[in-house]
Amino acid sequence: MRRRTLVVGLGAVGSYGAGRAALAAALAAGTPTVREVDRAAGFHAPGGARTAALVDPATLAPLVPPAAARRMSAPSRFAVAAGKLAAAEAGWGPEPLGARTGCVLATAYGPNVFTERLLRQILFEGPESASPYLFTECVANAAAAQLAIALKARGPNVTLTQREVGPLSAAARAAALVGDGRLDAALVGAAEEASPFLHAVLDRFRALARPAAGGPEAPRPFDRRRDGFLLAEGALVLAVAAEGSAAAAEAGPLAVLRGGGGAFDPTASSYGFGRGAASLARKLAADLERMGIGMDDIDLIVAGASGARAGDRLIAATLGAAWGGRPLPPVAAPKGIVGEYAGGLLGAAALAAAGAPIARPAGFGEPDPGLGVVPAAASGARRVLALDVAAGGAAAWLVVERS
């Protein structure tokens, strides 16, 4: 018999601060918290994006001691801080979590500052100068490994690199591991950093929101004027546990991970979004049917629309095809508030299922008539469908329910 997977803790670190309350307050307010990116290195093009949702280093100090932090890349520090917050909410004490607790994290770009430093050593000083210290922290799974070490979680340790859809895929993977009895508990989520170099490269590819005429740069999900997303860094970690297990005994559940799924859009290029909405919609409907959920059973859609022109178009078309022309439930677009990457979408879905409100992004102002979707201010949902698509063709969805 399949076990229910309960969300028993939520840890978050982002530009909005640290902790569940900080993330919830940001989602309710609707306005991104941004800072100007350091442009001193000269990577940026003139007239490009200037801001990102950056973590204040002071946020981490109480959670990751300096002696430990100096041995970690930024994503590792973010993941450990968020994981400690999630474990504390779950009531998991200082004792080792053990072999029945795993880690499933996602990252899109990994520890890019450490990777940049390592490549500089190799290119300018020769391969023999490569630092083992930098190498061990420049791999994509460094954050998950550091999280497992910090909390002594000795179960399976998995890192997914599926770009935008990684956090939802990670949550679906963890729900399957716990639901099938292979684990009793897991730490699941995402960690990301936004270095000046990464910010500059994404801006040069016109992926980021740019300053508008007469106004600041802002992500505008589903807006006719959308021109890119807000790059975000930080981490989101959910502590999940099987219903009835010792790991679920200390805390009242925040929500339930009902399950998820995904698909691949073969019309996508290796670097862009495709147009395979019909095939994605068929797989979404099939996965919901497998879980015993009808389209009319969804109270709220938490969409991964970020302000990317082609990405938002694909999400809107997929939802329209899945609902077959029937009215959609309210659609929230939290990436317009917390930015792209770092797991904000997953955190928003869990909080929405717990009844927390999500505001309409402050940057939205003019509906795109070609999409047929307008982001809503939402609250009080009991069953939430989170859905996202990624550049390169991946798509993922997750159902989160009120406990």
Protein backbone atom coordinates (compact mmCIF):
# COMPACT_ATOMS: atom_id res chain seq x y z
CA MET A 1 0.00 0.00 0.00
CA ARG A 2 1.40 3.38 -1.02
CA ARG A 3 2.14 5.75 1.87
CA ARG A 4 1.25 9.43 1.90
CA THR A 5 4.22 11.78 1.73
CA LEU A 6 3.81 14.64 4.21
CA VAL A 7 5.59 17.97 4.09
CA VAL A 8 6.62 18.42 7.73
CA GLY A 9 9.05 21.33 7.37
CA LEU A 10 9.95 24.11 4.98
CA GLY A 11 13.26 25.96 4.94
CA ALA A 12 13.94 28.87 2.63
CA VAL A 13 16.81 31.25 1.98
CA GLY A 14 16.47 34.02 -0.58
CA SER A 15 16.57 37.73 -1.21
CA TYR A 16 13.48 37.95 1.00
CA GLY A 17 15.35 36.59 4.04
CA ALA A 18 15.36 33.18 5.71
CA GLY A 19 12.58 30.91 6.88
CA ARG A 20 9.05 29.97 5.96
CA ALA A 21 7.58 33.21 7.30
CA ALA A 22 9.93 35.33 5.17
CA LEU A 23 9.00 33.47 1.99
CA ALA A 24 5.30 33.61 2.81
CA ALA A 25 5.49 37.35 3.45
CA ALA A 26 7.22 37.93 0.12
CA LEU A 27 4.62 35.91 -1.78
CA ALA A 28 1.81 37.78 -0.06
CA ALA A 29 3.38 41.17 -0.84
CA GLY A 30 3.91 40.50 -4.53
CA THR A 31 6.99 42.71 -4.98
CA PRO A 32 10.44 41.22 -5.68
CA THR A 33 13.33 42.05 -3.37
CA VAL A 34 16.29 42.86 -5.61
CA ARG A 35 19.79 44.31 -5.43
CA GLU A 36 22.13 45.60 -8.09
CA VAL A 37 24.60 43.04 -9.40
CA ASP A 38 28.33 43.79 -9.21
CA ARG A 39 29.31 44.85 -12.73
CA ALA A 40 32.91 45.81 -11.98
CA ALA A 41 34.42 42.85 -13.87
CA GLY A 42 33.10 44.22 -17.16
CA PHE A 43 31.15 41.14 -18.24
CA HIS A 44 27.88 43.02 -18.74
CA ALA A 45 26.74 44.67 -21.94
CA PRO A 46 25.74 48.34 -21.79
CA GLY A 47 22.07 48.95 -21.18
CA GLY A 48 21.37 45.45 -19.92
CA ALA A 49 19.80 44.04 -16.77
CA ARG A 50 21.24 45.38 -13.54
CA THR A 51 19.45 43.60 -10.71
CA ALA A 52 18.90 40.11 -9.32
CA ALA A 53 17.24 38.55 -6.28
CA LEU A 54 20.43 38.15 -4.24
CA VAL A 55 20.87 36.67 -0.77
CA ASP A 56 22.21 38.98 1.92
CA PRO A 57 25.24 37.14 3.38
CA ALA A 58 24.20 38.25 6.86
CA THR A 59 21.13 36.01 6.50
CA LEU A 60 23.31 32.90 6.59
CA ALA A 61 25.57 33.75 9.53
CA PRO A 62 23.28 32.35 12.26
CA LEU A 63 22.66 29.16 10.27
CA VAL A 64 26.06 28.24 8.81
CA PRO A 65 29.04 28.98 11.11
CA PRO A 66 31.89 30.84 9.37
CA ALA A 67 34.32 27.99 9.96
CA ALA A 68 32.05 25.68 7.98
CA ALA A 69 30.94 28.28 5.44
CA ARG A 70 34.47 29.04 4.26
CA ARG A 71 34.78 25.46 2.98
CA MET A 72 31.56 25.63 0.96
CA SER A 73 30.39 27.16 -2.29
CA ALA A 74 27.41 29.49 -2.15
CA PRO A 75 24.83 26.85 -3.20
CA SER A 76 26.11 24.53 -0.47
CA ARG A 77 25.79 27.26 2.15
CA PHE A 78 22.27 28.06 0.94
CA ALA A 79 21.23 24.40 0.97
CA VAL A 80 22.64 23.72 4.44
CA ALA A 81 20.93 26.82 5.86
CA ALA A 82 17.57 25.97 4.29
CA GLY A 83 17.91 22.32 5.26
CA LYS A 84 18.56 23.19 8.89
CA LEU A 85 15.47 25.39 8.93
CA ALA A 86 13.35 22.62 7.39
CA ALA A 87 14.67 20.01 9.82
CA ALA A 88 14.00 22.29 12.78
CA GLU A 89 10.39 22.81 11.66
CA ALA A 90 10.01 19.05 11.31
CA GLY A 91 11.23 18.53 14.86
CA TRP A 92 14.20 16.49 13.70
CA GLY A 93 16.71 16.89 16.49
CA PRO A 94 20.52 16.98 16.47
CA GLU A 95 20.83 13.19 16.22
CA PRO A 96 21.79 11.76 12.79
CA LEU A 97 18.89 11.40 10.38
CA GLY A 98 20.28 8.03 9.30
CA ALA A 99 20.09 5.69 6.32
CA ARG A 100 16.31 5.99 5.86
CA THR A 101 16.54 9.73 5.09
CA GLY A 102 17.69 10.83 1.66
CA CYS A 103 18.45 14.09 -0.15
CA VAL A 104 17.01 15.02 -3.54
CA LEU A 105 18.07 18.48 -4.72
CA ALA A 106 17.98 20.29 -8.04
CA THR A 107 20.25 22.91 -9.53
CA ALA A 108 20.34 24.59 -12.92
CA TYR A 109 23.87 26.01 -12.95
CA GLY A 110 25.55 24.59 -9.86
CA PRO A 111 28.37 26.37 -8.02
CA ASN A 112 29.31 28.70 -10.86
CA VAL A 113 31.71 30.92 -8.88
CA PHE A 114 33.85 27.93 -7.86
CA THR A 115 33.68 26.60 -11.42
CA GLU A 116 34.81 29.97 -12.78
CA ARG A 117 37.71 30.11 -10.31
CA LEU A 118 38.81 26.56 -11.18
CA LEU A 119 38.71 27.25 -14.91
CA ARG A 120 40.70 30.44 -14.44
CA GLN A 121 43.39 28.45 -12.64
CA ILE A 122 43.54 25.85 -15.40
CA LEU A 123 43.48 28.33 -18.28
CA PHE A 124 45.90 30.92 -16.91
CA GLU A 125 48.20 28.85 -14.67
CA GLY A 126 48.06 25.40 -16.25
CA PRO A 127 46.22 22.15 -15.41
CA GLU A 128 48.67 21.26 -12.62
CA SER A 129 47.49 24.32 -10.68
CA ALA A 130 43.90 23.08 -10.36
CA SER A 131 42.80 23.20 -6.74
CA PRO A 132 41.23 20.01 -5.31
CA TYR A 133 39.33 22.25 -2.90
CA LEU A 134 37.70 24.15 -5.76
CA PHE A 135 37.01 20.95 -7.71
CA THR A 136 35.13 19.21 -4.91
CA GLU A 137 32.77 22.17 -4.60
CA CYS A 138 32.31 22.96 -8.30
CA VAL A 139 30.37 19.77 -9.10
CA ALA A 140 26.59 19.96 -9.37
CA ASN A 141 25.94 17.60 -6.45
CA ALA A 142 28.08 19.52 -3.94
CA ALA A 143 25.09 21.18 -2.28
CA ALA A 144 23.23 17.90 -1.76
CA ALA A 145 26.37 16.29 -0.39
CA GLN A 146 27.02 19.13 2.06
CA LEU A 147 23.39 19.05 3.18
CA ALA A 148 23.59 15.32 3.85
CA ILE A 149 26.85 15.75 5.77
CA ALA A 150 25.47 18.59 7.87
CA LEU A 151 22.34 16.69 8.90
CA LYS A 152 23.86 13.20 8.74
CA ALA A 153 21.31 11.94 6.23
CA ARG A 154 22.86 8.72 4.96
CA GLY A 155 20.17 7.62 2.51
CA PRO A 156 20.22 8.02 -1.28
CA ASN A 157 21.65 11.35 -2.41
CA VAL A 158 20.40 12.57 -5.78
CA THR A 159 20.98 15.80 -7.70
CA LEU A 160 18.83 16.69 -10.72
CA THR A 161 19.96 19.15 -13.38
CA GLN A 162 16.81 19.80 -15.40
CA ARG A 163 17.01 23.58 -15.57
CA GLU A 164 13.74 25.30 -14.68
CA VAL A 165 11.80 22.11 -13.88
CA GLY A 166 14.41 20.65 -11.51
CA PRO A 167 12.68 21.55 -8.23
CA LEU A 168 9.34 20.00 -9.23
CA SER A 169 11.09 16.90 -10.60
CA ALA A 170 13.05 16.58 -7.35
CA ALA A 171 9.87 16.77 -5.27
CA ALA A 172 8.15 14.16 -7.45
CA ARG A 173 11.19 11.88 -7.12
CA ALA A 174 11.24 12.26 -3.33
CA ALA A 175 7.50 11.61 -3.10
CA ALA A 176 7.97 8.38 -5.05
CA LEU A 177 10.88 7.22 -2.87
CA VAL A 178 8.98 7.88 0.34
CA GLY A 179 5.62 6.68 -0.96
CA ASP A 180 7.06 3.39 -2.19
CA GLY A 181 8.71 2.71 1.18
CA ARG A 182 12.29 3.03 -0.01
CA LEU A 183 12.78 5.97 2.38
CA ASP A 184 11.05 7.16 5.53
CA ALA A 185 12.00 10.79 4.99
CA ALA A 186 13.82 13.10 2.62
CA LEU A 187 15.18 16.60 2.24
CA VAL A 188 14.02 17.87 -1.14
CA GLY A 189 14.36 21.14 -3.01
CA ALA A 190 16.83 23.28 -4.94
CA ALA A 191 19.88 25.49 -4.48
CA GLU A 192 21.28 28.10 -6.84
CA GLU A 193 23.68 31.04 -6.92
CA ALA A 194 23.58 34.12 -9.14
CA SER A 195 27.13 35.21 -9.87
CA PRO A 196 27.92 38.38 -11.85
CA PHE A 197 29.28 36.22 -14.69
CA LEU A 198 26.11 34.10 -14.91
CA HIS A 199 23.95 37.20 -14.72
CA ALA A 200 25.92 38.82 -17.54
CA VAL A 201 25.77 35.76 -19.79
CA LEU A 202 22.02 35.33 -19.36
CA ASP A 203 21.53 39.02 -20.03
CA ARG A 204 23.62 38.88 -23.20
CA PHE A 205 21.32 36.09 -24.41
CA ARG A 206 18.36 38.42 -23.69
CA ALA A 207 16.97 36.03 -21.07
CA LEU A 208 16.67 38.60 -18.26
CA ALA A 209 14.11 41.37 -17.77
CA ARG A 210 15.58 44.71 -18.79
CA PRO A 211 14.81 48.28 -17.75
CA ALA A 212 11.56 49.40 -19.34
CA ALA A 213 11.04 52.82 -20.87
CA GLY A 214 10.10 55.08 -17.99
CA GLY A 215 10.29 52.30 -15.39
CA PRO A 216 12.54 49.76 -13.69
CA GLU A 217 13.29 46.27 -14.95
CA ALA A 218 10.73 43.78 -13.67
CA PRO A 219 9.61 40.22 -14.42
CA ARG A 220 6.14 40.24 -15.98
CA PRO A 221 4.75 36.68 -16.17
CA PHE A 222 2.00 36.30 -18.82
CA ASP A 223 2.21 40.04 -19.56
CA ARG A 224 2.13 41.30 -23.15
CA ARG A 225 5.25 43.39 -22.40
CA ARG A 226 7.26 40.58 -20.78
CA ASP A 227 10.89 40.58 -21.83
CA GLY A 228 12.68 38.14 -19.52
CA PHE A 229 12.94 36.77 -16.00
CA LEU A 230 14.47 37.87 -12.72
CA LEU A 231 17.53 35.78 -11.83
CA ALA A 232 17.34 34.55 -8.24
CA GLU A 233 19.67 32.73 -5.89
CA GLY A 234 19.11 30.90 -2.61
CA ALA A 235 17.65 27.55 -1.60
CA LEU A 236 14.32 25.94 -0.80
CA VAL A 237 14.27 22.67 1.14
CA LEU A 238 11.21 20.70 2.16
CA ALA A 239 11.44 18.09 4.91
CA VAL A 240 9.10 15.29 3.84
CA ALA A 241 8.21 12.10 5.68
CA ALA A 242 5.98 9.07 5.31
CA GLU A 243 2.71 9.32 7.18
CA GLY A 244 2.93 7.26 10.36
CA SER A 245 6.73 7.19 10.42
CA ALA A 246 8.81 8.44 13.33
CA ALA A 247 10.08 11.26 11.08
CA ALA A 248 6.53 12.59 10.80
CA ALA A 249 5.66 12.31 14.49
CA GLU A 250 7.01 15.61 15.84
CA ALA A 251 5.36 18.21 13.60
CA GLY A 252 1.91 18.75 12.18
CA PRO A 253 2.08 18.40 8.39
CA LEU A 254 2.14 21.52 6.27
CA ALA A 255 0.88 19.78 3.13
CA VAL A 256 0.87 16.46 1.27
CA LEU A 257 2.90 15.65 -1.84
CA ARG A 258 0.33 13.67 -3.80
CA GLY A 259 2.70 12.93 -6.67
CA GLY A 260 3.94 14.25 -9.95
CA GLY A 261 5.14 13.51 -13.42
CA GLY A 262 6.78 15.00 -16.44
CA ALA A 263 7.39 14.82 -20.15
CA PHE A 264 9.81 15.88 -22.85
CA ASP A 265 8.99 18.24 -25.69
CA PRO A 266 10.93 17.09 -28.77
CA THR A 267 10.16 20.32 -30.60
CA ALA A 268 12.49 22.25 -28.26
CA SER A 269 16.05 23.12 -29.19
CA SER A 270 18.87 22.35 -26.77
CA TYR A 271 18.73 25.94 -25.50
CA GLY A 272 15.15 27.10 -26.00
CA PHE A 273 11.50 26.28 -25.44
CA GLY A 274 9.46 24.22 -27.87
CA ARG A 275 5.85 24.34 -29.06
CA GLY A 276 4.70 20.86 -28.10
CA ALA A 277 1.85 21.98 -25.85
CA ALA A 278 -0.56 19.32 -27.11
CA SER A 279 1.72 16.40 -26.25
CA LEU A 280 2.63 17.90 -22.87
CA ALA A 281 -1.07 18.38 -22.09
CA ARG A 282 -1.86 14.76 -22.93
CA LYS A 283 0.86 13.51 -20.59
CA LEU A 284 -0.27 15.89 -17.84
CA ALA A 285 -3.85 14.63 -18.13
CA ALA A 286 -2.65 11.01 -18.07
CA ASP A 287 -0.55 11.58 -14.95
CA LEU A 288 -3.44 13.26 -13.15
CA GLU A 289 -5.74 10.39 -14.13
CA ARG A 290 -3.18 7.93 -12.78
CA MET A 291 -3.37 9.75 -9.44
CA GLY A 292 -7.16 9.71 -9.53
CA ILE A 293 -7.43 13.47 -10.01
CA GLY A 294 -9.64 15.19 -12.56
CA MET A 295 -9.07 18.62 -14.04
CA ASP A 296 -12.04 19.94 -12.09
CA ASP A 297 -10.41 18.76 -8.84
CA ILE A 298 -7.61 21.36 -9.12
CA ASP A 299 -8.26 24.50 -7.04
CA LEU A 300 -5.16 26.45 -8.04
CA ILE A 301 -2.41 26.26 -10.63
CA VAL A 302 1.00 27.50 -9.53
CA ALA A 303 2.62 28.11 -12.88
CA GLY A 304 6.31 28.46 -13.66
CA ALA A 305 5.72 31.48 -15.88
CA SER A 306 8.65 33.82 -15.29
CA GLY A 307 8.42 36.52 -17.93
CA ALA A 308 10.28 34.47 -20.57
CA ARG A 309 8.42 35.11 -23.80
CA ALA A 310 8.51 31.59 -25.25
CA GLY A 311 8.38 29.81 -21.88
CA ASP A 312 5.25 31.64 -20.71
CA ARG A 313 3.64 30.98 -24.10
CA LEU A 314 4.29 27.23 -23.81
CA ILE A 315 2.93 27.08 -20.26
CA ALA A 316 -0.25 28.94 -21.25
CA ALA A 317 -0.75 26.73 -24.31
CA THR A 318 -0.20 23.55 -22.29
CA LEU A 319 -2.76 24.58 -19.69
CA GLY A 320 -5.26 25.57 -22.36
CA ALA A 321 -4.86 22.24 -24.15
CA ALA A 322 -5.08 20.24 -20.93
CA TRP A 323 -8.33 21.93 -19.91
CA GLY A 324 -9.70 21.60 -23.44
CA GLY A 325 -11.07 25.10 -23.67
CA ARG A 326 -12.82 24.98 -20.29
CA PRO A 327 -12.15 27.82 -17.83
CA LEU A 328 -8.93 27.39 -15.92
CA PRO A 329 -8.80 27.53 -12.13
CA PRO A 330 -6.94 30.56 -10.74
CA VAL A 331 -3.33 30.68 -11.95
CA ALA A 332 -0.61 32.09 -9.68
CA ALA A 333 2.79 33.15 -11.03
CA PRO A 334 5.18 33.33 -8.05
CA LYS A 335 8.35 33.58 -10.16
CA GLY A 336 7.31 37.16 -10.82
CA ILE A 337 7.89 37.69 -7.08
CA VAL A 338 10.74 35.40 -6.02
CA GLY A 339 12.52 35.05 -9.37
CA GLU A 340 13.71 32.18 -11.53
CA TYR A 341 15.61 29.22 -10.00
CA ALA A 342 16.36 28.58 -6.29
CA GLY A 343 13.13 26.62 -5.73
CA GLY A 344 10.73 29.48 -5.12
CA LEU A 345 8.03 27.82 -7.25
CA LEU A 346 8.12 24.64 -5.16
CA GLY A 347 7.95 26.63 -1.92
CA ALA A 348 5.02 28.66 -3.25
CA ALA A 349 3.11 25.49 -4.15
CA ALA A 350 3.60 24.00 -0.69
CA LEU A 351 2.58 27.22 1.04
CA ALA A 352 -0.45 27.66 -1.24
CA ALA A 353 -1.68 24.17 -0.35
CA ALA A 354 -1.36 25.15 3.30
CA GLY A 355 -3.66 28.11 2.67
CA ALA A 356 -1.09 30.89 2.32
CA PRO A 357 -1.87 33.70 -0.15
CA ILE A 358 0.10 34.44 -3.31
CA ALA A 359 -0.25 37.94 -4.70
CA ARG A 360 -0.33 38.91 -8.34
CA PRO A 361 3.24 39.94 -9.31
CA ALA A 362 3.70 43.68 -9.04
CA GLY A 363 5.24 43.81 -12.52
CA PHE A 364 2.12 42.51 -14.26
CA GLY A 365 0.02 45.16 -15.92
CA GLU A 366 -1.22 44.21 -19.39
CA PRO A 367 -2.65 40.78 -20.31
CA ASP A 368 -1.30 39.09 -23.41
CA PRO A 369 -4.35 38.34 -25.59
CA GLY A 370 -2.45 35.51 -27.26
CA LEU A 371 -2.07 33.57 -24.01
CA GLY A 372 -5.49 33.65 -22.39
CA VAL A 373 -3.99 33.51 -18.90
CA VAL A 374 -3.94 36.32 -16.34
CA PRO A 375 -2.05 35.73 -13.07
CA ALA A 376 -4.39 35.82 -10.11
CA ALA A 377 -4.07 36.68 -6.46
CA ALA A 378 -4.86 33.37 -4.81
CA SER A 379 -5.52 31.96 -1.36
CA GLY A 380 -7.44 29.17 0.31
CA ALA A 381 -6.58 26.43 -2.19
CA ARG A 382 -6.78 22.82 -1.05
CA ARG A 383 -5.36 21.04 -4.10
CA VAL A 384 -2.59 22.74 -6.05
CA LEU A 385 -1.09 21.81 -9.40
CA ALA A 386 2.43 23.19 -9.88
CA LEU A 387 3.61 23.11 -13.49
CA ASP A 388 6.79 24.26 -15.22
CA VAL A 389 8.66 23.88 -18.49
CA ALA A 390 12.38 24.17 -19.15
CA ALA A 391 14.58 25.42 -21.94
CA GLY A 392 15.77 22.28 -23.67
CA GLY A 393 12.43 20.47 -23.61
CA ALA A 394 11.79 19.11 -20.10
CA ALA A 395 8.43 19.65 -18.40
CA ALA A 396 7.30 18.70 -14.91
CA TRP A 397 4.26 18.93 -12.68
CA LEU A 398 3.46 18.20 -9.06
CA VAL A 399 0.22 17.95 -7.08
CA VAL A 400 0.33 19.31 -3.52
CA GLU A 401 -2.69 19.05 -1.24
CA ARG A 402 -3.92 20.40 2.07
CA SER A 403 -3.07 17.95 4.83
